[in-house]
N, C-alpha and C. Protein backbone atom coordinates (compact mmCIF):
# COMPACT_ATOMS: atom_id res chain seq x y z
N MET A 1 27.37 -102.70 154.50
CA MET A 1 28.19 -103.33 155.10
C MET A 1 29.72 -103.28 154.34
N ASN A 2 30.69 -103.57 155.39
CA ASN A 2 31.98 -103.36 154.96
C ASN A 2 32.85 -104.71 154.34
N LEU A 3 33.76 -105.02 153.26
CA LEU A 3 34.14 -106.26 152.77
C LEU A 3 34.41 -107.79 153.73
N PHE A 4 35.49 -107.06 154.79
CA PHE A 4 35.70 -108.06 155.86
C PHE A 4 34.34 -108.47 157.08
N LYS A 5 33.20 -107.59 156.94
CA LYS A 5 32.27 -108.45 157.59
C LYS A 5 31.10 -109.09 156.96
N TRP A 6 31.27 -108.67 155.87
CA TRP A 6 30.05 -109.77 155.09
C TRP A 6 31.73 -111.11 154.56
N GLY A 7 32.79 -110.45 154.43
CA GLY A 7 33.11 -111.73 154.23
C GLY A 7 33.64 -112.75 155.22
N SER A 8 33.17 -112.63 156.82
CA SER A 8 33.23 -113.43 158.23
C SER A 8 32.28 -113.60 158.07
N SER A 9 31.00 -113.23 157.29
CA SER A 9 29.12 -113.57 157.76
C SER A 9 28.36 -114.33 157.05
N SER A 10 29.53 -114.66 155.77
CA SER A 10 28.47 -115.94 155.30
C SER A 10 29.88 -116.69 153.60
N LEU A 11 28.57 -117.44 153.73
CA LEU A 11 30.36 -118.12 152.96
C LEU A 11 30.73 -118.09 151.45
N PRO A 12 29.50 -117.11 150.86
CA PRO A 12 30.07 -116.63 149.55
C PRO A 12 31.30 -115.30 150.01
N GLY A 13 31.01 -114.79 151.21
CA GLY A 13 31.88 -113.69 151.53
C GLY A 13 33.80 -114.25 151.92
N HIS A 14 33.69 -115.76 152.38
CA HIS A 14 34.62 -116.16 152.30
C HIS A 14 35.41 -116.54 151.51
N ILE A 15 34.69 -117.11 150.07
CA ILE A 15 35.31 -117.22 148.96
C ILE A 15 36.04 -116.21 148.58
N VAL A 16 35.28 -115.32 148.69
CA VAL A 16 35.92 -113.70 147.81
C VAL A 16 36.75 -113.46 148.40
N LEU A 17 37.44 -113.72 149.99
CA LEU A 17 38.06 -113.00 150.70
C LEU A 17 39.31 -114.10 150.80
N TRP A 18 38.62 -115.34 150.89
CA TRP A 18 40.30 -116.57 150.42
C TRP A 18 40.74 -116.22 149.01
N GLU A 19 40.23 -116.06 147.91
CA GLU A 19 40.68 -115.87 146.33
C GLU A 19 41.34 -115.08 146.49
N LEU A 20 40.61 -113.29 147.15
CA LEU A 20 41.42 -112.10 146.48
C LEU A 20 42.89 -112.14 147.51
N ILE A 21 43.56 -112.78 148.66
CA ILE A 21 43.89 -112.79 149.61
C ILE A 21 44.91 -114.22 149.71
N PHE A 22 44.36 -115.33 150.12
CA PHE A 22 45.22 -116.05 149.63
C PHE A 22 45.89 -116.71 148.08
N SER A 23 44.77 -116.63 147.37
CA SER A 23 45.08 -117.00 145.58
C SER A 23 45.73 -116.77 145.30
N THR A 24 45.42 -115.06 144.87
CA THR A 24 46.24 -114.15 144.46
C THR A 24 47.46 -114.34 144.63
N SER A 25 48.21 -113.92 146.19
CA SER A 25 49.19 -114.14 146.24
C SER A 25 49.98 -115.15 145.96
N GLY A 26 49.02 -116.13 146.00
CA GLY A 26 50.05 -117.78 145.98
C GLY A 26 50.00 -117.75 143.89
N PHE A 27 48.77 -117.22 143.58
CA PHE A 27 49.47 -117.33 142.23
C PHE A 27 50.07 -116.57 141.49
N LEU A 28 50.25 -114.93 141.99
CA LEU A 28 51.75 -114.48 142.00
C LEU A 28 53.10 -115.09 141.82
N PHE A 29 53.31 -115.54 143.38
CA PHE A 29 54.39 -115.68 143.79
C PHE A 29 54.74 -117.11 142.90
N PHE A 30 53.72 -118.17 142.33
CA PHE A 30 54.20 -119.04 141.57
C PHE A 30 54.72 -118.32 139.56
N VAL A 31 53.62 -117.44 139.73
CA VAL A 31 53.79 -117.24 138.16
C VAL A 31 55.77 -116.48 138.91
N ALA A 32 55.91 -115.45 139.47
CA ALA A 32 57.01 -115.14 138.97
C ALA A 32 58.23 -115.79 139.64
N GLN A 33 58.38 -116.86 139.97
CA GLN A 33 58.97 -117.67 140.75
C GLN A 33 59.46 -118.63 139.01
N SER A 34 58.41 -119.31 138.46
CA SER A 34 58.22 -119.68 137.32
C SER A 34 59.33 -118.87 135.71
N ASP A 35 58.52 -117.83 135.97
CA ASP A 35 59.30 -116.39 135.02
C ASP A 35 60.94 -116.41 135.49
N SER A 36 61.34 -116.57 137.14
CA SER A 36 62.44 -116.50 136.97
C SER A 36 63.43 -117.37 136.60
N ALA A 37 62.42 -118.58 136.37
CA ALA A 37 63.33 -120.06 136.40
C ALA A 37 63.65 -120.04 134.56
N GLY A 38 62.61 -119.28 134.11
CA GLY A 38 62.56 -119.64 132.55
C GLY A 38 61.31 -120.00 132.24
N THR A 39 60.31 -120.29 133.08
CA THR A 39 59.68 -122.33 132.22
C THR A 39 58.42 -121.72 132.00
N LEU A 40 58.37 -120.61 131.86
CA LEU A 40 56.70 -119.06 132.37
C LEU A 40 56.95 -119.90 130.54
N THR A 41 55.24 -120.47 130.66
CA THR A 41 54.47 -120.37 128.99
C THR A 41 52.96 -120.52 129.81
N LEU A 42 52.32 -120.74 128.71
CA LEU A 42 51.13 -119.55 128.98
C LEU A 42 49.80 -120.83 129.77
N ARG A 43 51.05 -122.07 129.14
CA ARG A 43 49.92 -123.29 129.67
C ARG A 43 50.30 -123.37 131.40
N VAL A 44 51.84 -123.19 132.03
CA VAL A 44 52.04 -123.03 133.25
C VAL A 44 50.90 -121.49 133.89
N VAL A 45 50.57 -120.91 133.66
CA VAL A 45 49.89 -119.62 133.75
C VAL A 45 49.02 -120.45 133.97
N LEU A 46 47.87 -120.71 133.11
CA LEU A 46 46.81 -121.14 133.00
C LEU A 46 46.67 -122.22 134.55
N TRP A 47 47.38 -123.48 134.22
CA TRP A 47 47.48 -124.67 135.24
C TRP A 47 47.44 -124.12 136.33
N THR A 48 48.45 -122.61 136.44
CA THR A 48 48.37 -122.20 138.34
C THR A 48 47.73 -121.92 138.66
N ALA A 49 46.68 -120.49 137.60
CA ALA A 49 45.51 -120.38 138.24
C ALA A 49 44.56 -121.41 138.18
N PHE A 50 44.35 -121.88 137.62
CA PHE A 50 43.12 -123.21 137.86
C PHE A 50 43.84 -123.71 139.80
N VAL A 51 44.95 -124.58 139.81
CA VAL A 51 45.67 -125.35 140.80
C VAL A 51 45.26 -123.94 142.07
N TRP A 52 45.74 -122.25 141.48
CA TRP A 52 45.27 -121.95 142.87
C TRP A 52 43.78 -121.71 143.56
N GLY A 53 43.20 -120.41 142.21
CA GLY A 53 41.56 -121.05 142.54
C GLY A 53 40.68 -121.33 143.52
N ALA A 54 41.27 -123.51 142.97
CA ALA A 54 40.55 -124.21 143.34
C ALA A 54 40.67 -124.54 145.21
N ALA A 55 42.24 -123.80 145.08
CA ALA A 55 42.82 -123.94 146.51
C ALA A 55 42.34 -123.16 147.40
N GLY A 56 41.84 -122.12 147.02
CA GLY A 56 41.71 -121.60 147.68
C GLY A 56 40.11 -121.21 148.08
N ALA A 57 39.47 -122.03 146.85
CA ALA A 57 37.97 -121.86 147.33
C ALA A 57 38.01 -122.70 148.48
N LEU A 58 38.40 -124.06 147.86
CA LEU A 58 38.15 -125.00 149.20
C LEU A 58 39.08 -125.15 150.58
N ALA A 59 39.91 -124.32 150.60
CA ALA A 59 40.32 -124.07 152.07
C ALA A 59 39.27 -122.65 152.76
N ALA A 60 38.64 -121.99 151.91
CA ALA A 60 37.04 -121.07 151.98
C ALA A 60 36.09 -122.12 152.48
N ILE A 61 35.72 -123.25 152.11
CA ILE A 61 34.68 -123.86 152.42
C ILE A 61 34.65 -124.40 153.73
N VAL A 62 36.22 -125.26 154.05
CA VAL A 62 36.33 -125.34 155.12
C VAL A 62 36.77 -124.92 156.31
N PHE A 63 37.06 -123.96 155.42
CA PHE A 63 37.30 -123.00 157.12
C PHE A 63 36.04 -122.62 157.45
N TRP A 64 34.97 -122.10 156.78
CA TRP A 64 33.80 -121.87 156.63
C TRP A 64 33.28 -122.85 157.82
N TYR A 65 32.82 -124.28 157.18
CA TYR A 65 32.71 -125.17 158.54
C TYR A 65 33.42 -125.34 159.64
N ALA A 66 34.42 -125.39 159.71
CA ALA A 66 35.02 -125.64 160.72
C ALA A 66 35.27 -124.93 161.78
N VAL A 67 35.85 -123.49 161.29
CA VAL A 67 36.17 -122.61 162.08
C VAL A 67 34.77 -121.58 161.85
N THR A 68 34.90 -120.79 160.91
CA THR A 68 34.19 -119.84 161.62
C THR A 68 32.75 -120.48 161.60
N LEU A 69 31.80 -121.35 160.37
CA LEU A 69 30.96 -121.06 161.30
C LEU A 69 29.83 -121.69 163.10
N PRO A 70 31.02 -123.09 163.65
CA PRO A 70 30.97 -122.47 164.73
C PRO A 70 31.07 -121.30 166.23
N LEU A 71 31.71 -120.18 165.18
CA LEU A 71 32.03 -119.18 166.67
C LEU A 71 30.98 -118.07 166.13
N LEU A 72 30.24 -118.15 165.28
CA LEU A 72 29.24 -117.70 164.95
C LEU A 72 28.17 -118.11 165.47
N VAL A 73 28.07 -119.21 165.47
CA VAL A 73 26.73 -120.46 165.86
C VAL A 73 27.32 -119.75 167.57
N ARG A 74 28.17 -119.81 168.40
CA ARG A 74 28.48 -119.68 169.88
C ARG A 74 28.28 -118.26 170.17
N ARG A 75 29.27 -117.16 168.94
CA ARG A 75 28.30 -115.59 169.31
C ARG A 75 27.28 -115.28 169.48
N LYS A 76 26.01 -115.85 168.30
CA LYS A 76 24.95 -115.84 168.73
C LYS A 76 24.30 -116.05 169.58
N GLY A 77 24.44 -117.38 170.21
CA GLY A 77 24.17 -117.99 171.32
C GLY A 77 24.73 -117.30 172.84
N LYS A 78 25.96 -116.72 172.57
CA LYS A 78 26.11 -115.53 173.74
C LYS A 78 25.22 -113.71 173.78
N ASP A 79 24.64 -113.86 172.62
CA ASP A 79 23.89 -112.74 172.13
C ASP A 79 22.64 -112.82 172.62
N LYS A 80 22.18 -113.86 173.13
CA LYS A 80 20.65 -113.80 173.85
C LYS A 80 20.77 -113.87 175.04
């Protein structure tokens, strides 16, 4: 099973993919912005990692229950 199929068919997969795609890119963007503004400290990096990690997990859970799970149920109903 490839990563995207696993990611689209399970809640843990959703969380992993959202962390890889959404949280990592947001974290890197904000760390780069802090560096260019001259405000990059260890505290800022740790706080940014925590916030983007929590936001990615929360977004994955909301997206799973609001969008993906109903689509999977509908697809399973059509297969019968």
